[in-house]
Amino acid sequence: MKARVFVTLKNGVLDPQGKAIHHALEGLGFGGVNDVRAGKLIELDLADGTSDSDIEEMCRKLLANTVIENFKIERAA
């Protein structure tokens, strides 16, 4: 079983990587980008039977800094 964990910064947290990407896109001539927020995608290959609560615990203990980041779990078939 596979799962994807999307980790993003919470609103109001400064995102220097997102700002750098935004600036670079503008420098390359891509207009119409109002804002960029960078995050990370973590793909997990899990044993069958791994529960949602186990994945959430992984996120809270290691994969995301819940003080400044949100996470979303997406299970794949």
Foldseek 3Di string as FASTA:
>chain_A
DKKKKKKWWDPPDDAVVFVVVVVVCVVVPDPDDPTGTDTDMDMDDDDPPCDPVNVVVCCPPPVYPVVTMDMDMDDDD
